[in-house]
Amino acid sequence: MRQFSRLALLLLLVLSIAPPAGARIAMIQTMAPLQDHAEQSIEAAFKEAMQTALRGALAMGFSWVKLSKALVLENMVTVQILATDTRPEGGEGDGEEESLPGGEPGPWSG
């Protein structure tokens, strides 16, 4: 019984010292109405959907985002972003577009 107590104490000590779990990640999808399929209407709807997605990412405490998908449908534009609260690891400088919530350039490549 005494060995079990020591093992339990050791396990609790190790678990309390261990770093927190990995980063939080979310896929955020938003939509904006599309008046017609003119280029200006598509750009305005895309901008509205993107701003909504970025505001959501900021509200959830995410600091890094990447555009995952954007679609023009019959009467709407839909945008999907990947958001995380830590800087992703990996290939910096691979030429991909990088951004932070709020539209500022950022060092995220993925």
C-alpha atoms as a PDB file:
ATOM      1  CA  MET A   1       0.000   0.000   0.000  1.00  0.00           C
ATOM      2  CA  ARG A   2       2.882   2.300   0.787  1.00  0.00           C
ATOM      3  CA  GLN A   3       4.400   1.796  -2.705  1.00  0.00           C
ATOM      4  CA  PHE A   4       1.026   2.610  -4.264  1.00  0.00           C
ATOM      5  CA  SER A   5       0.904   5.876  -2.290  1.00  0.00           C
ATOM      6  CA  ARG A   6       4.393   6.825  -3.462  1.00  0.00           C
ATOM      7  CA  LEU A   7       3.512   5.993  -7.059  1.00  0.00           C
ATOM      8  CA  ALA A   8       0.320   8.043  -6.853  1.00  0.00           C
ATOM      9  CA  LEU A   9       2.205  10.990  -5.337  1.00  0.00           C
ATOM     10  CA  LEU A  10       4.888  10.771  -8.028  1.00  0.00           C
ATOM     11  CA  LEU A  11       2.251  10.631 -10.762  1.00  0.00           C
ATOM     12  CA  LEU A  12       0.456  13.688  -9.376  1.00  0.00           C
ATOM     13  CA  LEU A  13       3.740  15.566  -9.165  1.00  0.00           C
ATOM     14  CA  VAL A  14       4.655  14.742 -12.780  1.00  0.00           C
ATOM     15  CA  LEU A  15       1.198  15.692 -14.040  1.00  0.00           C
ATOM     16  CA  SER A  16       1.245  19.006 -12.186  1.00  0.00           C
ATOM     17  CA  ILE A  17       4.627  19.932 -13.686  1.00  0.00           C
ATOM     18  CA  ALA A  18       3.791  18.874 -17.243  1.00  0.00           C
ATOM     19  CA  PRO A  19       3.177  21.725 -19.687  1.00  0.00           C
ATOM     20  CA  PRO A  20      -0.401  22.426 -20.770  1.00  0.00           C
ATOM     21  CA  ALA A  21      -1.862  20.568 -23.725  1.00  0.00           C
ATOM     22  CA  GLY A  22      -1.272  21.741 -27.282  1.00  0.00           C
ATOM     23  CA  ALA A  23      -2.675  24.742 -29.014  1.00  0.00           C
ATOM     24  CA  ARG A  24      -6.338  25.408 -29.504  1.00  0.00           C
ATOM     25  CA  ILE A  25      -7.420  25.240 -33.143  1.00  0.00           C
ATOM     26  CA  ALA A  26     -10.727  26.153 -34.762  1.00  0.00           C
ATOM     27  CA  MET A  27     -12.172  26.091 -38.253  1.00  0.00           C
ATOM     28  CA  ILE A  28     -14.423  29.141 -38.611  1.00  0.00           C
ATOM     29  CA  GLN A  29     -16.864  29.450 -41.507  1.00  0.00           C
ATOM     30  CA  THR A  30     -18.909  32.554 -42.289  1.00  0.00           C
ATOM     31  CA  MET A  31     -21.192  33.645 -45.110  1.00  0.00           C
ATOM     32  CA  ALA A  32     -22.200  36.962 -46.619  1.00  0.00           C
ATOM     33  CA  PRO A  33     -25.102  37.637 -48.990  1.00  0.00           C
ATOM     34  CA  LEU A  34     -24.291  38.172 -52.658  1.00  0.00           C
ATOM     35  CA  GLN A  35     -26.387  40.681 -54.624  1.00  0.00           C
ATOM     36  CA  ASP A  36     -25.186  39.573 -58.059  1.00  0.00           C
ATOM     37  CA  HIS A  37     -22.132  37.984 -59.639  1.00  0.00           C
ATOM     38  CA  ALA A  38     -20.410  41.241 -60.582  1.00  0.00           C
ATOM     39  CA  GLU A  39     -16.781  41.415 -59.487  1.00  0.00           C
ATOM     40  CA  GLN A  40     -17.455  44.322 -57.106  1.00  0.00           C
ATOM     41  CA  SER A  41     -20.330  42.452 -55.430  1.00  0.00           C
ATOM     42  CA  ILE A  42     -18.199  39.337 -54.983  1.00  0.00           C
ATOM     43  CA  GLU A  43     -15.327  41.355 -53.507  1.00  0.00           C
ATOM     44  CA  ALA A  44     -17.658  43.192 -51.103  1.00  0.00           C
ATOM     45  CA  ALA A  45     -19.288  39.943 -49.947  1.00  0.00           C
ATOM     46  CA  PHE A  46     -15.874  38.270 -49.559  1.00  0.00           C
ATOM     47  CA  LYS A  47     -14.601  41.201 -47.499  1.00  0.00           C
ATOM     48  CA  GLU A  48     -17.707  41.113 -45.267  1.00  0.00           C
ATOM     49  CA  ALA A  49     -17.444  37.344 -44.708  1.00  0.00           C
ATOM     50  CA  MET A  50     -13.704  37.584 -44.014  1.00  0.00           C
ATOM     51  CA  GLN A  51     -14.147  40.424 -41.517  1.00  0.00           C
ATOM     52  CA  THR A  52     -16.839  38.444 -39.692  1.00  0.00           C
ATOM     53  CA  ALA A  53     -14.578  35.376 -39.506  1.00  0.00           C
ATOM     54  CA  LEU A  54     -11.626  37.443 -38.271  1.00  0.00           C
ATOM     55  CA  ARG A  55     -13.751  39.161 -35.608  1.00  0.00           C
ATOM     56  CA  GLY A  56     -14.850  35.712 -34.437  1.00  0.00           C
ATOM     57  CA  ALA A  57     -11.245  34.509 -34.262  1.00  0.00           C
ATOM     58  CA  LEU A  58     -10.236  37.559 -32.246  1.00  0.00           C
ATOM     59  CA  ALA A  59     -13.216  37.158 -29.905  1.00  0.00           C
ATOM     60  CA  MET A  60     -12.179  33.553 -29.210  1.00  0.00           C
ATOM     61  CA  GLY A  61      -8.621  34.640 -28.390  1.00  0.00           C
ATOM     62  CA  PHE A  62      -6.934  33.287 -31.516  1.00  0.00           C
ATOM     63  CA  SER A  63      -3.927  35.203 -32.771  1.00  0.00           C
ATOM     64  CA  TRP A  64      -3.082  33.381 -36.032  1.00  0.00           C
ATOM     65  CA  VAL A  65      -5.370  32.687 -38.979  1.00  0.00           C
ATOM     66  CA  LYS A  66      -5.110  31.242 -42.456  1.00  0.00           C
ATOM     67  CA  LEU A  67      -7.680  31.310 -45.225  1.00  0.00           C
ATOM     68  CA  SER A  68      -8.686  27.730 -45.876  1.00  0.00           C
ATOM     69  CA  LYS A  69     -11.447  28.063 -48.446  1.00  0.00           C
ATOM     70  CA  ALA A  70     -13.618  30.686 -50.145  1.00  0.00           C
ATOM     71  CA  LEU A  71     -16.589  29.822 -52.344  1.00  0.00           C
ATOM     72  CA  VAL A  72     -18.925  31.905 -54.474  1.00  0.00           C
ATOM     73  CA  LEU A  73     -22.370  30.313 -54.428  1.00  0.00           C
ATOM     74  CA  GLU A  74     -25.582  31.367 -56.142  1.00  0.00           C
ATOM     75  CA  ASN A  75     -26.640  33.936 -53.548  1.00  0.00           C
ATOM     76  CA  MET A  76     -23.754  34.067 -51.048  1.00  0.00           C
ATOM     77  CA  VAL A  77     -20.017  33.978 -50.531  1.00  0.00           C
ATOM     78  CA  THR A  78     -18.703  31.591 -47.905  1.00  0.00           C
ATOM     79  CA  VAL A  79     -15.276  31.837 -46.262  1.00  0.00           C
ATOM     80  CA  GLN A  80     -13.548  29.237 -44.106  1.00  0.00           C
ATOM     81  CA  ILE A  81     -10.486  30.076 -41.994  1.00  0.00           C
ATOM     82  CA  LEU A  82      -8.235  28.023 -39.757  1.00  0.00           C
ATOM     83  CA  ALA A  83      -7.457  29.831 -36.498  1.00  0.00           C
ATOM     84  CA  THR A  84      -5.069  28.979 -33.676  1.00  0.00           C
ATOM     85  CA  ASP A  85      -3.758  30.612 -30.523  1.00  0.00           C
ATOM     86  CA  THR A  86      -0.104  29.734 -31.067  1.00  0.00           C
ATOM     87  CA  ARG A  87       2.285  30.206 -33.906  1.00  0.00           C
ATOM     88  CA  PRO A  88       2.229  27.095 -36.090  1.00  0.00           C
ATOM     89  CA  GLU A  89       5.482  25.237 -36.517  1.00  0.00           C
ATOM     90  CA  GLY A  90       7.048  24.558 -39.852  1.00  0.00           C
ATOM     91  CA  GLY A  91       8.151  25.905 -43.181  1.00  0.00           C
ATOM     92  CA  GLU A  92       8.684  29.586 -42.820  1.00  0.00           C
ATOM     93  CA  GLY A  93       9.265  31.368 -46.081  1.00  0.00           C
ATOM     94  CA  ASP A  94       7.417  28.953 -48.339  1.00  0.00           C
ATOM     95  CA  GLY A  95       5.785  31.832 -50.199  1.00  0.00           C
ATOM     96  CA  GLU A  96       2.238  31.365 -48.892  1.00  0.00           C
ATOM     97  CA  GLU A  97       0.107  34.358 -48.018  1.00  0.00           C
ATOM     98  CA  GLU A  98       0.294  35.083 -44.305  1.00  0.00           C
ATOM     99  CA  SER A  99      -2.024  37.146 -42.094  1.00  0.00           C
ATOM    100  CA  LEU A 100      -3.128  37.981 -38.579  1.00  0.00           C
ATOM    101  CA  PRO A 101      -6.678  38.781 -37.474  1.00  0.00           C
ATOM    102  CA  GLY A 102      -7.274  42.393 -38.401  1.00  0.00           C
ATOM    103  CA  GLY A 103      -5.623  42.043 -41.811  1.00  0.00           C
ATOM    104  CA  GLU A 104      -2.042  42.688 -40.709  1.00  0.00           C
ATOM    105  CA  PRO A 105       0.730  40.634 -42.304  1.00  0.00           C
ATOM    106  CA  GLY A 106       1.920  37.832 -40.076  1.00  0.00           C
ATOM    107  CA  PRO A 107       4.527  35.083 -40.063  1.00  0.00           C
ATOM    108  CA  TRP A 108       2.228  32.092 -40.420  1.00  0.00           C
ATOM    109  CA  SER A 109       2.948  29.555 -43.048  1.00  0.00           C
ATOM    110  CA  GLY A 110       1.449  26.200 -43.145  1.00  0.00           C
END
